Amino acid sequence: ATVLFAIGCGADINPAPRRELAHVEQYGRDLADAADRALAKKLTRVEGRFGSAFTDIPLRFSRLPTDQEIREARESKQPGLNAWAEAVASNLRTKGDKILDYAYPVQAWTLGNLSWAALGGEVVIDYSIRLRRELGDDLWVFGYSTDVMAYIPSERVLEEGRYEGDTSKIPYGKPSKWAPGLENQIVNATRELVTHTRAAARK
């Protein structure tokens, strides 16, 4: 068998403690031990027909930064703000207000009794919890798939703001945080694709 590693929806999850090599090594052993424990259990055979589907959905950032915000960011000594200002200003010159629009990728696979949803960006855990609650535990939800353009907050995280909901726009060079409503757009598209692939796998 070929073993592959896939990252789930963990954009707002960090191990603790961290930032030291000893912690990295320990978490690596923990991950390997967890895989060994899973392989030692009775495994469920996955077999059947395969179905896949892909779409881009239109997401939107909330607003354009003002000229004053860009000017102040250029003059700031805060790390990253200068680069953010240059990136946004350059994109504004070439694309105008079209920089608010983003084609967000959503993908689904089904093989027999198991389904996968692959979402672009650094996706927070709320998406996995909600999608598995609505579509069943035989769904695996991945983030960081096809494209990594920004953090993908849920409505809860977007309202909280902080890094994942707001200021992560700076290292990604995006004009602002996402506009409200993205969670339902992503979940609805994922539900549609997973339902489609499951039906295709049953034919």
Protein backbone atom coordinates (compact mmCIF):
# COMPACT_ATOMS: atom_id res chain seq x y z
CA ALA A 1 0.00 0.00 0.00
CA THR A 2 1.08 3.57 -0.62
CA VAL A 3 0.64 5.80 2.42
CA LEU A 4 -0.34 9.42 1.77
CA PHE A 5 -0.64 12.28 4.23
CA ALA A 6 -3.51 14.72 3.85
CA ILE A 7 -4.16 17.77 5.99
CA GLY A 8 -7.64 18.22 7.39
CA CYS A 9 -9.33 21.45 8.43
CA GLY A 10 -6.91 22.59 11.09
CA ALA A 11 -6.17 26.22 10.24
CA ASP A 12 -7.18 27.39 13.72
CA ILE A 13 -5.59 24.47 15.60
CA ASN A 14 -2.02 24.43 16.90
CA PRO A 15 -0.22 21.86 19.03
CA ALA A 16 0.96 23.03 22.42
CA PRO A 17 3.71 23.33 23.45
CA ARG A 18 5.48 24.09 20.18
CA ARG A 19 8.30 26.01 18.45
CA GLU A 20 11.08 23.66 19.59
CA LEU A 21 12.64 20.76 17.69
CA ALA A 22 11.91 18.35 20.56
CA HIS A 23 8.20 19.15 20.25
CA VAL A 24 8.27 18.56 16.49
CA GLU A 25 9.92 15.17 16.98
CA GLN A 26 7.46 14.18 19.71
CA TYR A 27 4.43 15.12 17.61
CA GLY A 28 5.89 13.17 14.70
CA ARG A 29 6.16 10.08 16.92
CA ASP A 30 2.62 10.69 18.20
CA LEU A 31 1.33 10.78 14.61
CA ALA A 32 3.17 7.59 13.67
CA ASP A 33 1.91 5.83 16.82
CA ALA A 34 -1.67 6.86 16.02
CA ALA A 35 -1.31 5.40 12.52
CA ASP A 36 0.05 2.15 13.99
CA ARG A 37 -2.90 1.93 16.41
CA ALA A 38 -5.38 2.49 13.58
CA LEU A 39 -3.73 -0.18 11.41
CA ALA A 40 -3.83 -2.66 14.31
CA LYS A 41 -7.64 -2.44 14.50
CA LYS A 42 -10.09 -4.28 12.30
CA LEU A 43 -10.15 -2.32 9.06
CA THR A 44 -13.20 -1.50 6.95
CA ARG A 45 -12.83 -2.51 3.34
CA VAL A 46 -13.37 0.31 0.85
CA GLU A 47 -14.59 -0.90 -2.51
CA GLY A 48 -17.05 0.05 -5.18
CA ARG A 49 -17.42 2.54 -7.98
CA PHE A 50 -15.69 5.89 -8.10
CA GLY A 51 -17.26 9.29 -8.59
CA SER A 52 -15.68 12.73 -8.68
CA ALA A 53 -16.76 16.33 -9.13
CA PHE A 54 -15.15 19.75 -9.09
CA THR A 55 -16.35 23.33 -9.18
CA ASP A 56 -15.18 26.87 -8.55
CA ILE A 57 -17.55 29.06 -6.57
CA PRO A 58 -17.41 32.88 -6.49
CA LEU A 59 -16.29 34.20 -3.10
CA ARG A 60 -15.71 37.85 -2.35
CA PHE A 61 -13.54 39.91 -0.03
CA SER A 62 -15.44 42.45 2.05
CA ARG A 63 -14.02 45.74 0.76
CA LEU A 64 -11.19 47.59 -0.92
CA PRO A 65 -8.65 49.23 1.38
CA THR A 66 -8.62 53.01 1.33
CA ASP A 67 -5.71 55.02 -0.05
CA GLN A 68 -4.97 56.14 3.50
CA GLU A 69 -4.81 52.54 4.76
CA ILE A 70 -2.36 51.62 2.03
CA ARG A 71 -0.26 54.72 2.68
CA GLU A 72 -0.13 54.06 6.43
CA ALA A 73 0.77 50.40 5.81
CA ARG A 74 3.65 51.49 3.54
CA GLU A 75 4.98 53.71 6.32
CA SER A 76 4.42 51.17 9.10
CA LYS A 77 7.25 49.39 10.88
CA GLN A 78 5.00 46.41 11.63
CA PRO A 79 6.39 43.29 9.88
CA GLY A 80 4.57 42.41 6.70
CA LEU A 81 2.49 45.55 6.32
CA ASN A 82 4.84 47.13 3.77
CA ALA A 83 4.71 44.03 1.57
CA TRP A 84 0.92 43.87 1.95
CA ALA A 85 0.55 47.50 0.85
CA GLU A 86 2.76 46.96 -2.21
CA ALA A 87 0.95 43.76 -3.22
CA VAL A 88 -2.51 45.26 -2.87
CA ALA A 89 -1.56 48.51 -4.62
CA SER A 90 -0.03 46.56 -7.51
CA ASN A 91 -3.12 44.37 -7.86
CA LEU A 92 -5.37 47.41 -7.76
CA ARG A 93 -3.45 48.99 -10.62
CA THR A 94 -3.77 45.90 -12.81
CA LYS A 95 -7.17 44.51 -11.80
CA GLY A 96 -9.09 47.29 -10.09
CA ASP A 97 -12.00 46.22 -7.92
CA LYS A 98 -11.86 42.73 -9.46
CA ILE A 99 -9.35 41.88 -6.72
CA LEU A 100 -12.39 41.48 -4.46
CA ASP A 101 -13.53 38.41 -6.41
CA TYR A 102 -12.03 34.95 -6.02
CA ALA A 103 -12.86 31.65 -7.71
CA TYR A 104 -12.75 29.21 -4.80
CA PRO A 105 -12.18 25.49 -5.58
CA VAL A 106 -14.33 22.73 -4.11
CA GLN A 107 -13.79 19.08 -5.00
CA ALA A 108 -15.42 15.80 -4.00
CA TRP A 109 -14.55 12.14 -4.48
CA THR A 110 -16.49 9.04 -3.55
CA LEU A 111 -15.17 5.48 -3.65
CA GLY A 112 -17.78 2.94 -2.61
CA ASN A 113 -18.83 3.82 0.93
CA LEU A 114 -16.21 6.52 1.58
CA SER A 115 -16.26 10.16 0.45
CA TRP A 116 -13.73 12.98 0.49
CA ALA A 117 -14.29 16.72 0.28
CA ALA A 118 -11.25 18.79 -0.71
CA LEU A 119 -11.44 22.51 0.04
CA GLY A 120 -9.00 25.22 -0.97
CA GLY A 121 -7.19 27.48 1.47
CA GLU A 122 -6.35 27.14 5.16
CA VAL A 123 -9.74 25.89 6.33
CA VAL A 124 -10.81 26.17 9.99
CA ILE A 125 -12.14 23.14 11.89
CA ASP A 126 -15.78 24.30 11.88
CA TYR A 127 -16.14 23.15 8.27
CA SER A 128 -15.14 19.57 9.00
CA ILE A 129 -17.41 19.40 12.04
CA ARG A 130 -20.40 20.81 10.16
CA LEU A 131 -19.95 18.81 6.96
CA ARG A 132 -19.50 15.51 8.82
CA ARG A 133 -22.53 16.31 10.96
CA GLU A 134 -24.66 17.01 7.88
CA LEU A 135 -23.26 14.37 5.50
CA GLY A 136 -22.10 11.59 7.83
CA ASP A 137 -18.90 10.28 9.40
CA ASP A 138 -17.98 8.44 6.19
CA LEU A 139 -16.87 11.81 4.82
CA TRP A 140 -13.26 12.98 5.19
CA VAL A 141 -12.77 16.72 4.81
CA PHE A 142 -9.41 18.09 3.64
CA GLY A 143 -8.16 21.65 3.53
CA TYR A 144 -5.12 23.02 1.66
CA SER A 145 -6.39 21.40 -1.55
CA THR A 146 -6.03 22.58 -5.17
CA ASP A 147 -5.23 26.16 -4.12
CA VAL A 148 -4.08 27.93 -0.95
CA MET A 149 -5.06 31.58 -1.33
CA ALA A 150 -5.94 32.60 2.24
CA TYR A 151 -7.39 31.41 5.52
CA ILE A 152 -10.98 30.20 5.19
CA PRO A 153 -12.88 31.18 8.34
CA SER A 154 -16.33 30.01 9.31
CA GLU A 155 -18.90 32.69 10.09
CA ARG A 156 -18.04 32.26 13.77
CA VAL A 157 -14.34 32.82 13.17
CA LEU A 158 -15.02 35.66 10.71
CA GLU A 159 -17.06 37.46 13.36
CA GLU A 160 -14.36 36.87 15.98
CA GLY A 161 -11.80 38.49 13.69
CA ARG A 162 -8.27 38.09 15.08
CA TYR A 163 -5.75 36.30 12.85
CA GLU A 164 -7.76 33.64 11.01
CA GLY A 165 -10.79 35.89 10.56
CA ASP A 166 -9.09 39.20 9.72
CA THR A 167 -5.38 39.96 9.88
CA SER A 168 -4.23 36.85 7.97
CA LYS A 169 -5.07 38.92 4.89
CA ILE A 170 -1.70 40.64 5.43
CA PRO A 171 0.71 37.73 4.75
CA TYR A 172 -1.54 36.56 1.91
CA GLY A 173 -1.65 40.02 0.30
CA LYS A 174 -5.45 40.11 0.14
CA PRO A 175 -7.38 43.40 0.20
CA SER A 176 -9.49 42.65 3.29
CA LYS A 177 -11.18 39.86 5.19
CA TRP A 178 -13.80 37.73 3.44
CA ALA A 179 -17.35 39.00 3.07
CA PRO A 180 -19.95 37.31 5.31
CA GLY A 181 -21.79 34.35 3.83
CA LEU A 182 -18.81 32.32 2.64
CA GLU A 183 -19.49 29.41 5.02
CA ASN A 184 -22.90 28.60 3.58
CA GLN A 185 -21.61 29.05 0.03
CA ILE A 186 -18.80 26.55 0.62
CA VAL A 187 -20.93 24.08 2.58
CA ASN A 188 -23.77 24.18 0.03
CA ALA A 189 -21.37 23.59 -2.87
CA THR A 190 -19.64 20.76 -1.00
CA ARG A 191 -22.95 19.11 -0.12
CA GLU A 192 -24.03 19.25 -3.76
CA LEU A 193 -20.79 17.73 -5.04
CA VAL A 194 -20.65 14.99 -2.40
CA THR A 195 -24.29 14.07 -3.09
CA HIS A 196 -23.51 13.94 -6.83
CA THR A 197 -20.44 11.73 -6.41
CA ARG A 198 -22.26 9.37 -4.06
CA ALA A 199 -25.03 8.95 -6.59
CA ALA A 200 -22.47 8.33 -9.36
CA ALA A 201 -20.70 5.71 -7.24
CA ARG A 202 -23.98 3.83 -6.71
CA LYS A 203 -24.74 3.46 -10.44
